[in-house]
Amino acid sequence: MSYHFHAVVWIDHSQARIFHLGLSGSDEITLHPHLATRHLHHKANVTGSGHAAPDKTFYNEVTQALADAGEILIIGPANAKTELASHIRAHAPDIAKRIAGVEAADHPSDNEIVAYAKRHFKLPAPRVQAPGSAPGERQSR
């Protein structure tokens, strides 16, 4: 994998899609928790919140995948994004310093995640080359 300074992770309780971004493109990693996601239901007069506990092993793997990023954006629906940010702050304070934001995002496509991160990090859009021209060739008017 080539080095990229920025990273964005879209996370929910069933997967983490991590994109490392740079001027030369992006790399993607998808991670899944080891334990199947359980749907718990809260019942009256029963102790507990009805929520599954965060999967620390999964969050450790995501944290390691983000370890070489200079700036990190964490997005996703529900609580997984804040649970990941809290996990990173508690277990990897050096990486936590690089979290640039934690924001809500429903279920975007991969291209939408990358575009969102590029806007967030203010990365330049790729240059579009005119059809039929060679790279570095100037167009005459």
N, C-alpha and C. Protein backbone atom coordinates (compact mmCIF):
# COMPACT_ATOMS: atom_id res chain seq x y z
N MET A 1 0.85 -1.17 0.00
CA MET A 1 0.00 0.00 0.00
C MET A 1 0.89 1.23 0.00
N SER A 2 0.56 2.21 -0.84
CA SER A 2 1.33 3.44 -0.87
C SER A 2 0.92 4.34 0.29
N TYR A 3 1.79 5.30 0.62
CA TYR A 3 1.54 6.17 1.76
C TYR A 3 0.60 7.31 1.36
N HIS A 4 -0.40 7.55 2.17
CA HIS A 4 -1.31 8.67 2.02
C HIS A 4 -1.47 9.32 3.39
N PHE A 5 -1.53 10.65 3.42
CA PHE A 5 -1.56 11.38 4.68
C PHE A 5 -2.93 11.33 5.37
N HIS A 6 -4.01 11.44 4.61
CA HIS A 6 -5.37 11.52 5.16
C HIS A 6 -6.06 10.15 5.13
N ALA A 7 -6.94 9.94 6.12
CA ALA A 7 -7.73 8.71 6.15
C ALA A 7 -9.15 9.05 6.58
N VAL A 8 -10.10 8.36 5.98
CA VAL A 8 -11.49 8.45 6.40
C VAL A 8 -11.97 7.03 6.66
N VAL A 9 -12.72 6.86 7.74
CA VAL A 9 -13.30 5.55 8.03
C VAL A 9 -14.81 5.74 8.17
N TRP A 10 -15.55 4.95 7.40
CA TRP A 10 -17.00 4.86 7.57
C TRP A 10 -17.23 3.58 8.35
N ILE A 11 -17.90 3.69 9.49
CA ILE A 11 -18.03 2.52 10.37
C ILE A 11 -19.46 2.38 10.88
N ASP A 12 -19.92 1.13 10.93
CA ASP A 12 -21.11 0.77 11.69
C ASP A 12 -20.75 -0.52 12.43
N HIS A 13 -21.70 -1.18 13.05
CA HIS A 13 -21.36 -2.36 13.85
C HIS A 13 -21.09 -3.61 13.02
N SER A 14 -21.28 -3.54 11.69
CA SER A 14 -21.04 -4.71 10.87
C SER A 14 -19.80 -4.61 9.99
N GLN A 15 -19.25 -3.39 9.81
CA GLN A 15 -18.06 -3.23 8.99
C GLN A 15 -17.43 -1.86 9.17
N ALA A 16 -16.16 -1.78 8.77
CA ALA A 16 -15.45 -0.51 8.71
C ALA A 16 -14.82 -0.42 7.33
N ARG A 17 -15.14 0.63 6.60
CA ARG A 17 -14.53 0.87 5.29
C ARG A 17 -13.56 2.04 5.46
N ILE A 18 -12.28 1.75 5.27
CA ILE A 18 -11.22 2.72 5.52
C ILE A 18 -10.58 3.10 4.19
N PHE A 19 -10.47 4.40 3.97
CA PHE A 19 -9.86 4.93 2.75
C PHE A 19 -8.70 5.83 3.16
N HIS A 20 -7.51 5.52 2.65
CA HIS A 20 -6.34 6.38 2.82
C HIS A 20 -6.25 7.22 1.56
N LEU A 21 -6.22 8.55 1.73
CA LEU A 21 -6.30 9.47 0.60
C LEU A 21 -5.04 10.29 0.45
N GLY A 22 -4.71 10.59 -0.79
CA GLY A 22 -3.58 11.46 -1.09
C GLY A 22 -3.73 12.03 -2.47
N LEU A 23 -2.76 12.79 -2.90
CA LEU A 23 -2.82 13.40 -4.22
C LEU A 23 -2.73 12.37 -5.33
N SER A 24 -2.15 11.22 -5.03
CA SER A 24 -1.98 10.19 -6.06
C SER A 24 -3.14 9.19 -6.11
N GLY A 25 -4.18 9.37 -5.30
CA GLY A 25 -5.30 8.45 -5.33
C GLY A 25 -5.70 8.01 -3.93
N SER A 26 -6.29 6.82 -3.85
CA SER A 26 -6.72 6.31 -2.55
C SER A 26 -6.59 4.80 -2.51
N ASP A 27 -6.47 4.28 -1.29
CA ASP A 27 -6.44 2.84 -1.03
C ASP A 27 -7.60 2.53 -0.10
N GLU A 28 -8.19 1.35 -0.24
CA GLU A 28 -9.33 0.97 0.60
C GLU A 28 -9.05 -0.32 1.33
N ILE A 29 -9.53 -0.37 2.58
CA ILE A 29 -9.50 -1.58 3.40
C ILE A 29 -10.91 -1.74 3.98
N THR A 30 -11.43 -2.94 3.97
CA THR A 30 -12.71 -3.21 4.63
C THR A 30 -12.47 -4.25 5.71
N LEU A 31 -12.89 -3.92 6.94
CA LEU A 31 -12.74 -4.82 8.07
C LEU A 31 -14.12 -5.19 8.60
N HIS A 32 -14.23 -6.40 9.14
CA HIS A 32 -15.48 -6.88 9.73
C HIS A 32 -15.20 -7.36 11.15
N PRO A 33 -16.18 -7.19 12.06
CA PRO A 33 -15.98 -7.71 13.42
C PRO A 33 -15.91 -9.23 13.41
N HIS A 34 -15.23 -9.79 14.39
CA HIS A 34 -15.09 -11.24 14.48
C HIS A 34 -16.37 -11.90 14.99
N LEU A 35 -17.09 -11.20 15.83
CA LEU A 35 -18.35 -11.73 16.36
C LEU A 35 -19.51 -11.23 15.52
N ALA A 36 -20.43 -12.11 15.23
CA ALA A 36 -21.60 -11.69 14.48
C ALA A 36 -22.38 -10.66 15.29
N THR A 37 -22.88 -9.65 14.60
CA THR A 37 -23.66 -8.62 15.29
C THR A 37 -24.94 -9.22 15.80
N ARG A 38 -25.21 -8.96 17.07
CA ARG A 38 -26.43 -9.48 17.68
C ARG A 38 -27.41 -8.32 17.85
N HIS A 39 -28.65 -8.58 17.59
CA HIS A 39 -29.70 -7.60 17.84
C HIS A 39 -30.32 -7.93 19.19
N LEU A 40 -30.15 -7.04 20.14
CA LEU A 40 -30.69 -7.25 21.47
C LEU A 40 -31.94 -6.39 21.62
N HIS A 41 -32.89 -6.90 22.36
CA HIS A 41 -34.13 -6.18 22.60
C HIS A 41 -34.28 -5.96 24.10
N HIS A 42 -34.57 -4.73 24.46
CA HIS A 42 -34.75 -4.39 25.86
C HIS A 42 -36.13 -4.84 26.32
N LYS A 43 -36.17 -5.52 27.46
CA LYS A 43 -37.43 -5.98 28.02
C LYS A 43 -37.68 -5.26 29.33
N ALA A 44 -38.92 -5.03 29.62
CA ALA A 44 -39.27 -4.35 30.87
C ALA A 44 -38.83 -5.18 32.07
N ASN A 45 -38.41 -4.51 33.13
CA ASN A 45 -38.00 -5.13 34.39
C ASN A 45 -36.77 -6.03 34.26
N VAL A 46 -35.92 -5.77 33.25
CA VAL A 46 -34.70 -6.53 33.06
C VAL A 46 -33.53 -5.56 33.08
N THR A 47 -32.47 -5.94 33.77
CA THR A 47 -31.29 -5.09 33.85
C THR A 47 -30.55 -5.09 32.53
N GLY A 48 -30.04 -3.95 32.14
CA GLY A 48 -29.26 -3.82 30.90
C GLY A 48 -29.93 -2.88 29.94
N SER A 49 -29.15 -2.35 29.03
CA SER A 49 -29.64 -1.34 28.10
C SER A 49 -30.27 -1.94 26.86
N GLY A 50 -30.01 -3.23 26.59
CA GLY A 50 -30.49 -3.82 25.35
C GLY A 50 -29.55 -3.59 24.19
N HIS A 51 -28.35 -3.02 24.44
CA HIS A 51 -27.36 -2.77 23.40
C HIS A 51 -26.19 -3.73 23.57
N ALA A 52 -25.67 -4.20 22.44
CA ALA A 52 -24.48 -5.05 22.48
C ALA A 52 -23.28 -4.22 22.89
N ALA A 53 -22.36 -4.82 23.63
CA ALA A 53 -21.14 -4.13 24.04
C ALA A 53 -20.26 -3.90 22.81
N PRO A 54 -19.50 -2.81 22.80
CA PRO A 54 -18.59 -2.56 21.67
C PRO A 54 -17.60 -3.71 21.50
N ASP A 55 -17.28 -4.06 20.27
CA ASP A 55 -16.33 -5.14 19.96
C ASP A 55 -14.92 -4.54 19.98
N LYS A 56 -14.22 -4.71 21.09
CA LYS A 56 -12.91 -4.09 21.28
C LYS A 56 -11.87 -4.62 20.29
N THR A 57 -11.95 -5.88 19.94
CA THR A 57 -11.02 -6.45 18.97
C THR A 57 -11.20 -5.78 17.61
N PHE A 58 -12.44 -5.59 17.21
CA PHE A 58 -12.75 -4.92 15.95
C PHE A 58 -12.21 -3.49 15.98
N TYR A 59 -12.46 -2.76 17.05
CA TYR A 59 -11.99 -1.38 17.15
C TYR A 59 -10.46 -1.32 17.19
N ASN A 60 -9.80 -2.33 17.80
CA ASN A 60 -8.34 -2.38 17.78
C ASN A 60 -7.81 -2.54 16.36
N GLU A 61 -8.45 -3.40 15.57
CA GLU A 61 -8.02 -3.61 14.18
C GLU A 61 -8.21 -2.34 13.35
N VAL A 62 -9.33 -1.64 13.55
CA VAL A 62 -9.57 -0.39 12.83
C VAL A 62 -8.52 0.65 13.25
N THR A 63 -8.24 0.73 14.53
CA THR A 63 -7.24 1.67 15.04
C THR A 63 -5.88 1.40 14.40
N GLN A 64 -5.48 0.14 14.31
CA GLN A 64 -4.20 -0.21 13.69
C GLN A 64 -4.16 0.16 12.21
N ALA A 65 -5.30 0.01 11.52
CA ALA A 65 -5.36 0.36 10.10
C ALA A 65 -5.24 1.87 9.89
N LEU A 66 -5.53 2.66 10.94
CA LEU A 66 -5.44 4.12 10.86
C LEU A 66 -4.13 4.66 11.41
N ALA A 67 -3.27 3.80 11.92
CA ALA A 67 -2.08 4.22 12.67
C ALA A 67 -1.13 5.11 11.89
N ASP A 68 -1.03 4.93 10.58
CA ASP A 68 -0.05 5.73 9.83
C ASP A 68 -0.65 6.98 9.20
N ALA A 69 -1.92 7.26 9.44
CA ALA A 69 -2.56 8.44 8.86
C ALA A 69 -2.19 9.70 9.64
N GLY A 70 -2.01 10.79 8.93
CA GLY A 70 -1.69 12.06 9.57
C GLY A 70 -2.92 12.77 10.09
N GLU A 71 -4.04 12.65 9.37
CA GLU A 71 -5.33 13.20 9.80
C GLU A 71 -6.40 12.15 9.54
N ILE A 72 -7.36 12.05 10.47
CA ILE A 72 -8.37 11.00 10.40
C ILE A 72 -9.75 11.62 10.53
N LEU A 73 -10.66 11.21 9.65
CA LEU A 73 -12.06 11.58 9.72
C LEU A 73 -12.85 10.30 9.96
N ILE A 74 -13.70 10.29 10.98
CA ILE A 74 -14.53 9.12 11.31
C ILE A 74 -15.97 9.49 11.03
N ILE A 75 -16.63 8.71 10.17
CA ILE A 75 -18.03 8.96 9.84
C ILE A 75 -18.82 7.67 9.93
N GLY A 76 -20.14 7.82 10.06
CA GLY A 76 -21.00 6.65 10.07
C GLY A 76 -22.32 6.94 10.74
N PRO A 77 -23.25 6.00 10.65
CA PRO A 77 -24.54 6.16 11.30
C PRO A 77 -24.46 5.70 12.76
N ALA A 78 -25.43 6.02 13.53
CA ALA A 78 -25.60 5.50 14.91
C ALA A 78 -24.38 5.75 15.79
N ASN A 79 -24.07 4.79 16.68
CA ASN A 79 -23.07 4.99 17.73
C ASN A 79 -21.67 4.49 17.41
N ALA A 80 -21.50 3.68 16.40
CA ALA A 80 -20.20 3.06 16.15
C ALA A 80 -19.09 4.09 15.95
N LYS A 81 -19.40 5.20 15.30
CA LYS A 81 -18.38 6.21 15.05
C LYS A 81 -17.87 6.83 16.35
N THR A 82 -18.77 7.11 17.27
CA THR A 82 -18.36 7.70 18.55
C THR A 82 -17.70 6.65 19.45
N GLU A 83 -18.15 5.39 19.36
CA GLU A 83 -17.50 4.32 20.11
C GLU A 83 -16.07 4.13 19.64
N LEU A 84 -15.84 4.18 18.31
CA LEU A 84 -14.49 4.06 17.78
C LEU A 84 -13.62 5.22 18.24
N ALA A 85 -14.14 6.44 18.15
CA ALA A 85 -13.37 7.61 18.59
C ALA A 85 -13.02 7.49 20.08
N SER A 86 -13.95 7.07 20.89
CA SER A 86 -13.69 6.89 22.32
C SER A 86 -12.65 5.80 22.56
N HIS A 87 -12.76 4.72 21.81
CA HIS A 87 -11.79 3.62 21.93
C HIS A 87 -10.38 4.12 21.58
N ILE A 88 -10.27 4.87 20.49
CA ILE A 88 -8.96 5.39 20.08
C ILE A 88 -8.41 6.34 21.15
N ARG A 89 -9.27 7.20 21.67
CA ARG A 89 -8.81 8.15 22.71
C ARG A 89 -8.32 7.42 23.96
N ALA A 90 -8.99 6.32 24.32
CA ALA A 90 -8.63 5.58 25.53
C ALA A 90 -7.40 4.68 25.34
N HIS A 91 -7.23 4.11 24.14
CA HIS A 91 -6.21 3.09 23.95
C HIS A 91 -5.05 3.50 23.04
N ALA A 92 -5.21 4.59 22.30
CA ALA A 92 -4.14 5.04 21.39
C ALA A 92 -4.13 6.57 21.34
N PRO A 93 -3.75 7.22 22.44
CA PRO A 93 -3.81 8.68 22.49
C PRO A 93 -2.97 9.37 21.42
N ASP A 94 -1.88 8.74 20.96
CA ASP A 94 -1.08 9.34 19.89
C ASP A 94 -1.86 9.40 18.58
N ILE A 95 -2.68 8.39 18.31
CA ILE A 95 -3.53 8.38 17.12
C ILE A 95 -4.72 9.31 17.33
N ALA A 96 -5.24 9.37 18.54
CA ALA A 96 -6.40 10.22 18.85
C ALA A 96 -6.12 11.69 18.54
N LYS A 97 -4.89 12.13 18.69
CA LYS A 97 -4.52 13.52 18.40
C LYS A 97 -4.73 13.86 16.92
N ARG A 98 -4.79 12.83 16.08
CA ARG A 98 -4.92 13.05 14.64
C ARG A 98 -6.36 12.97 14.14
N ILE A 99 -7.32 12.76 15.05
CA ILE A 99 -8.72 12.72 14.65
C ILE A 99 -9.17 14.15 14.34
N ALA A 100 -9.52 14.40 13.09
CA ALA A 100 -9.92 15.74 12.64
C ALA A 100 -11.41 15.97 12.80
N GLY A 101 -12.20 14.89 12.90
CA GLY A 101 -13.63 15.04 13.05
C GLY A 101 -14.33 13.70 13.18
N VAL A 102 -15.49 13.75 13.81
CA VAL A 102 -16.38 12.59 13.94
C VAL A 102 -17.75 13.10 13.52
N GLU A 103 -18.27 12.58 12.41
CA GLU A 103 -19.49 13.13 11.82
C GLU A 103 -20.47 12.04 11.40
N ALA A 104 -21.72 12.41 11.39
CA ALA A 104 -22.78 11.48 10.98
C ALA A 104 -22.81 11.34 9.46
N ALA A 105 -23.00 10.12 9.01
CA ALA A 105 -23.15 9.83 7.58
C ALA A 105 -23.93 8.53 7.47
N ASP A 106 -24.99 8.55 6.69
CA ASP A 106 -25.87 7.40 6.60
C ASP A 106 -25.15 6.20 5.97
N HIS A 107 -25.45 5.84 4.76
CA HIS A 107 -24.83 4.71 4.08
C HIS A 107 -24.38 5.14 2.68
N PRO A 108 -23.33 5.96 2.59
CA PRO A 108 -22.87 6.44 1.29
C PRO A 108 -22.12 5.36 0.52
N SER A 109 -22.01 5.57 -0.79
CA SER A 109 -21.19 4.67 -1.61
C SER A 109 -19.72 4.97 -1.35
N ASP A 110 -18.85 4.11 -1.83
CA ASP A 110 -17.41 4.33 -1.67
C ASP A 110 -16.99 5.67 -2.28
N ASN A 111 -17.48 5.96 -3.49
CA ASN A 111 -17.15 7.22 -4.15
C ASN A 111 -17.64 8.42 -3.34
N GLU A 112 -18.81 8.32 -2.73
CA GLU A 112 -19.34 9.41 -1.91
C GLU A 112 -18.50 9.60 -0.65
N ILE A 113 -18.01 8.52 -0.06
CA ILE A 113 -17.14 8.62 1.12
C ILE A 113 -15.86 9.36 0.76
N VAL A 114 -15.23 8.96 -0.34
CA VAL A 114 -13.98 9.59 -0.77
C VAL A 114 -14.21 11.07 -1.10
N ALA A 115 -15.29 11.38 -1.81
CA ALA A 115 -15.59 12.77 -2.17
C ALA A 115 -15.83 13.61 -0.91
N TYR A 116 -16.55 13.05 0.06
CA TYR A 116 -16.83 13.75 1.32
C TYR A 116 -15.52 14.05 2.05
N ALA A 117 -14.63 13.06 2.11
CA ALA A 117 -13.35 13.24 2.79
C ALA A 117 -12.49 14.28 2.07
N LYS A 118 -12.49 14.26 0.75
CA LYS A 118 -11.70 15.24 0.00
C LYS A 118 -12.19 16.65 0.27
N ARG A 119 -13.50 16.82 0.36
CA ARG A 119 -14.04 18.16 0.70
C ARG A 119 -13.64 18.52 2.13
N HIS A 120 -13.77 17.58 3.04
CA HIS A 120 -13.44 17.84 4.45
C HIS A 120 -11.97 18.25 4.61
N PHE A 121 -11.08 17.51 3.96
CA PHE A 121 -9.65 17.78 4.08
C PHE A 121 -9.16 18.84 3.09
N LYS A 122 -10.08 19.34 2.26
CA LYS A 122 -9.76 20.36 1.25
C LYS A 122 -8.66 19.89 0.30
N LEU A 123 -8.80 18.64 -0.15
CA LEU A 123 -7.86 18.10 -1.13
C LEU A 123 -8.30 18.53 -2.51
N PRO A 124 -7.35 18.81 -3.40
CA PRO A 124 -7.73 19.26 -4.75
C PRO A 124 -8.40 18.13 -5.53
N ALA A 125 -9.34 18.53 -6.39
CA ALA A 125 -9.99 17.56 -7.28
C ALA A 125 -8.97 17.15 -8.33
N PRO A 126 -9.06 15.91 -8.82
CA PRO A 126 -8.11 15.48 -9.85
C PRO A 126 -8.29 16.32 -11.12
N ARG A 127 -7.18 16.58 -11.79
CA ARG A 127 -7.24 17.34 -13.04
C ARG A 127 -7.83 16.46 -14.13
N VAL A 128 -8.68 17.05 -14.93
CA VAL A 128 -9.28 16.33 -16.04
C VAL A 128 -8.51 16.67 -17.29
N GLN A 129 -8.03 15.66 -17.96
CA GLN A 129 -7.23 15.85 -19.17
C GLN A 129 -8.14 15.93 -20.38
N ALA A 130 -7.85 16.84 -21.27
CA ALA A 130 -8.64 16.98 -22.49
C ALA A 130 -8.48 15.73 -23.34
N PRO A 131 -9.56 15.26 -23.97
CA PRO A 131 -9.48 14.05 -24.79
C PRO A 131 -8.48 14.22 -25.93
N GLY A 132 -7.66 13.20 -26.15
CA GLY A 132 -6.73 13.20 -27.26
C GLY A 132 -5.41 13.91 -26.98
N SER A 133 -5.24 14.49 -25.79
CA SER A 133 -3.98 15.17 -25.50
C SER A 133 -3.10 14.27 -24.63
N ALA A 134 -1.82 14.44 -24.79
CA ALA A 134 -0.87 13.68 -24.00
C ALA A 134 -0.64 14.40 -22.67
N PRO A 135 -0.29 13.68 -21.62
CA PRO A 135 -0.01 14.33 -20.34
C PRO A 135 1.10 15.36 -20.50
N GLY A 136 0.91 16.54 -19.94
CA GLY A 136 1.88 17.61 -19.99
C GLY A 136 1.84 18.42 -21.27
N GLU A 137 1.01 18.04 -22.23
CA GLU A 137 0.90 18.75 -23.50
C GLU A 137 -0.06 19.91 -23.35
N ARG A 138 0.30 21.06 -23.88
CA ARG A 138 -0.57 22.24 -23.80
C ARG A 138 -1.56 22.23 -24.96
N GLN A 139 -2.75 22.69 -24.68
CA GLN A 139 -3.76 22.81 -25.71
C GLN A 139 -3.61 24.15 -26.41
N SER A 140 -3.60 24.16 -27.72
CA SER A 140 -3.53 25.43 -28.46
C SER A 140 -4.93 25.98 -28.65
N ARG A 141 -5.01 27.29 -28.74
CA ARG A 141 -6.33 27.92 -28.88
C ARG A 141 -6.46 28.57 -30.21
